[in-house]
Amino acid sequence: MFRLFTVAFFLFVAIMISAQNYKEVKIYLDSQEQLANLYNLGLEFDHFNLEKDNSITAFISDREFEILQSSSFRYDVLIDDWYSYYENLPKLTESEKQFYRQMSKENYNVEGFGYGSMGGFFTLPEINTRLDSMYALYPNIITQKYQIGTTIQGRPFLQLKYQIIQMLMRMNHRFNLML
């Protein structure tokens, strides 16, 4: 159940953020009470950094940036296009990836995980490819992705199910029968 929720959650988050550009901005405040004004304008920060100079830095979408531009708040754009910025960050070499895989195996006894192209994390297309591959390899453990709704942006909201508990119960039952 936990895995199902985790996969569904990451699919939902990836689908929700995949089509928008985000900017990192620094917004100058005269007082912390002005945060309420930002929220009332429609700027919804899920997190931000409050700086010593009473400014905040946060990531906002292009839609929220338009709202900020039409307000009276002073701001600086620190990163104009987060995806381009992130794409240009240094990438791990194959030897570095191999080193971290080995360390994961030695320190945590975890292996079999790969790296995605987004700083080691998987992009939405990479997640979909992995899930399709898992279904092709283990059709009795995982279902195909299927649409359960549509996001507010009109994109499909997908779900799949893991059936690992039933498989483990059958394996345990077979094992008990062999004893």
Protein backbone atom coordinates (compact mmCIF):
# COMPACT_ATOMS: atom_id res chain seq x y z
CA MET A 1 0.00 0.00 0.00
CA PHE A 2 2.83 2.36 0.88
CA ARG A 3 4.51 1.74 -2.47
CA LEU A 4 1.28 2.33 -4.33
CA PHE A 5 0.79 5.62 -2.52
CA THR A 6 4.42 6.63 -3.11
CA VAL A 7 4.30 5.90 -6.84
CA ALA A 8 0.92 7.63 -7.22
CA PHE A 9 2.20 10.66 -5.29
CA PHE A 10 5.35 11.03 -7.40
CA LEU A 11 3.37 10.59 -10.62
CA PHE A 12 0.93 13.28 -9.46
CA VAL A 13 3.72 15.72 -8.54
CA ALA A 14 5.60 15.08 -11.77
CA ILE A 15 2.48 15.60 -13.88
CA MET A 16 1.55 18.78 -12.01
CA ILE A 17 4.93 20.49 -12.48
CA SER A 18 6.02 19.19 -15.86
CA ALA A 19 4.54 21.89 -18.13
CA GLN A 20 5.38 25.11 -16.34
CA ASN A 21 8.48 27.24 -16.09
CA TYR A 22 9.61 28.25 -12.65
CA LYS A 23 11.74 31.18 -11.56
CA GLU A 24 13.66 31.74 -8.37
CA VAL A 25 12.90 35.24 -7.14
CA LYS A 26 13.94 37.39 -4.23
CA ILE A 27 11.06 39.52 -2.96
CA TYR A 28 11.85 42.46 -0.72
CA LEU A 29 9.49 43.00 2.21
CA ASP A 30 9.18 45.98 4.54
CA SER A 31 7.84 43.69 7.24
CA GLN A 32 7.05 40.00 7.67
CA GLU A 33 3.36 40.91 7.80
CA GLN A 34 3.55 41.58 4.06
CA LEU A 35 3.69 37.83 3.52
CA ALA A 36 -0.08 37.81 4.02
CA ASN A 37 -0.36 40.37 1.20
CA LEU A 38 1.60 38.07 -1.11
CA TYR A 39 -0.73 35.18 -0.30
CA ASN A 40 -3.77 37.39 -0.83
CA LEU A 41 -2.46 38.29 -4.30
CA GLY A 42 -2.38 34.58 -5.17
CA LEU A 43 1.28 33.76 -4.60
CA GLU A 44 1.22 30.41 -2.84
CA PHE A 45 4.63 29.39 -1.58
CA ASP A 46 4.97 25.83 -0.41
CA HIS A 47 8.30 26.92 1.09
CA PHE A 48 10.57 29.93 1.02
CA ASN A 49 13.73 31.24 2.67
CA LEU A 50 13.46 34.29 4.87
CA GLU A 51 16.67 36.29 4.55
CA LYS A 52 18.31 38.58 7.12
CA ASP A 53 17.43 41.65 5.05
CA ASN A 54 13.72 40.78 5.50
CA SER A 55 13.43 39.48 1.94
CA ILE A 56 12.29 36.04 0.88
CA THR A 57 13.57 33.79 -1.88
CA ALA A 58 11.14 31.33 -3.44
CA PHE A 59 10.33 29.48 -6.62
CA ILE A 60 7.25 30.69 -8.45
CA SER A 61 5.56 29.73 -11.69
CA ASP A 62 5.24 32.02 -14.70
CA ARG A 63 1.61 32.64 -13.75
CA GLU A 64 2.62 33.69 -10.24
CA PHE A 65 5.44 35.82 -11.69
CA GLU A 66 2.86 37.79 -13.71
CA ILE A 67 1.00 38.46 -10.46
CA LEU A 68 4.23 39.60 -8.79
CA GLN A 69 5.03 41.90 -11.73
CA SER A 70 1.64 43.60 -11.44
CA SER A 71 2.10 44.16 -7.69
CA SER A 72 4.00 46.92 -5.94
CA PHE A 73 6.57 44.56 -4.41
CA ARG A 74 10.22 45.01 -5.29
CA TYR A 75 11.88 41.81 -6.52
CA ASP A 76 14.92 40.40 -8.29
CA VAL A 77 14.88 37.36 -10.54
CA LEU A 78 17.70 35.08 -9.39
CA ILE A 79 17.06 32.24 -11.85
CA ASP A 80 14.86 33.02 -14.86
CA ASP A 81 14.32 29.47 -16.12
CA TRP A 82 14.80 26.77 -13.51
CA TYR A 83 14.74 23.91 -16.03
CA SER A 84 17.46 25.45 -18.21
CA TYR A 85 19.53 26.29 -15.14
CA TYR A 86 19.16 22.77 -13.80
CA GLU A 87 19.94 21.21 -17.19
CA ASN A 88 23.25 23.07 -17.27
CA LEU A 89 24.42 21.92 -13.84
CA PRO A 90 27.36 19.46 -13.86
CA LYS A 91 26.28 15.84 -14.35
CA LEU A 92 27.65 12.78 -12.57
CA THR A 93 30.10 10.77 -14.63
CA GLU A 94 29.59 7.02 -15.08
CA SER A 95 32.44 6.33 -12.64
CA GLU A 96 30.81 8.61 -10.02
CA LYS A 97 27.48 6.84 -10.50
CA GLN A 98 29.19 3.47 -10.13
CA PHE A 99 30.93 4.67 -6.95
CA TYR A 100 27.62 5.78 -5.39
CA ARG A 101 25.94 2.51 -6.38
CA GLN A 102 28.75 0.59 -4.71
CA MET A 103 28.55 2.75 -1.59
CA SER A 104 24.79 2.21 -1.46
CA LYS A 105 25.31 -1.54 -1.66
CA GLU A 106 28.08 -1.59 0.96
CA ASN A 107 26.56 0.86 3.44
CA TYR A 108 22.84 0.10 3.12
CA ASN A 109 22.66 -3.27 1.33
CA VAL A 110 20.59 -1.60 -1.40
CA GLU A 111 21.18 -2.27 -5.06
CA GLY A 112 19.31 -2.34 -8.35
CA PHE A 113 18.51 1.35 -8.54
CA GLY A 114 19.61 3.56 -11.38
CA TYR A 115 20.01 7.26 -11.89
CA GLY A 116 17.69 9.52 -13.81
CA SER A 117 18.81 12.43 -15.95
CA MET A 118 17.60 15.13 -13.56
CA GLY A 119 20.42 15.30 -11.02
CA GLY A 120 20.08 11.58 -10.44
CA PHE A 121 16.30 11.77 -10.15
CA PHE A 122 13.97 10.51 -12.86
CA THR A 123 12.01 12.84 -15.11
CA LEU A 124 8.35 12.07 -15.80
CA PRO A 125 9.10 10.39 -19.16
CA GLU A 126 11.81 8.31 -17.46
CA ILE A 127 9.37 7.29 -14.72
CA ASN A 128 6.79 6.28 -17.32
CA THR A 129 9.40 4.24 -19.22
CA ARG A 130 10.47 2.49 -16.00
CA LEU A 131 6.87 1.72 -15.05
CA ASP A 132 6.11 0.36 -18.54
CA SER A 133 9.22 -1.79 -18.31
CA MET A 134 8.20 -3.08 -14.88
CA TYR A 135 4.79 -4.04 -16.23
CA ALA A 136 6.37 -5.85 -19.19
CA LEU A 137 8.69 -7.78 -16.88
CA TYR A 138 6.27 -8.44 -14.01
CA PRO A 139 2.67 -8.31 -15.26
CA ASN A 140 1.44 -10.41 -12.32
CA ILE A 141 2.90 -7.97 -9.78
CA ILE A 142 2.21 -4.53 -11.28
CA THR A 143 -0.70 -3.32 -13.39
CA GLN A 144 -0.48 -1.11 -16.45
CA LYS A 145 -0.89 2.60 -15.85
CA TYR A 146 -4.45 3.77 -16.31
CA GLN A 147 -6.12 7.15 -16.15
CA ILE A 148 -8.25 7.89 -13.09
CA GLY A 149 -8.92 11.54 -13.79
CA THR A 150 -7.61 14.78 -15.20
CA THR A 151 -5.56 17.49 -13.51
CA ILE A 152 -6.77 21.07 -13.38
CA GLN A 153 -4.40 21.76 -16.29
CA GLY A 154 -6.13 19.06 -18.36
CA ARG A 155 -3.38 16.45 -18.16
CA PRO A 156 -4.09 12.79 -17.41
CA PHE A 157 -3.85 11.66 -13.77
CA LEU A 158 -2.46 8.13 -13.87
CA GLN A 159 -2.48 5.26 -11.41
CA LEU A 160 -1.08 1.76 -11.20
CA LYS A 161 -1.25 -0.97 -8.59
CA TYR A 162 1.39 -3.17 -7.03
CA GLN A 163 0.18 -6.60 -6.06
CA ILE A 164 3.28 -7.66 -4.14
CA ILE A 165 1.44 -8.56 -0.92
CA GLN A 166 -0.71 -11.18 -2.63
CA MET A 167 2.36 -12.58 -4.39
CA LEU A 168 4.30 -12.83 -1.12
CA MET A 169 1.34 -14.48 0.57
CA ARG A 170 1.14 -17.07 -2.24
CA MET A 171 4.88 -17.68 -1.98
CA ASN A 172 4.64 -18.11 1.80
CA HIS A 173 1.69 -20.48 1.36
CA ARG A 174 3.66 -22.55 -1.15
CA PHE A 175 6.67 -22.55 1.16
CA ASN A 176 4.52 -23.75 4.07
CA LEU A 177 3.12 -26.53 1.90
CA MET A 178 6.64 -27.70 1.10
CA LEU A 179 7.51 -28.01 4.81
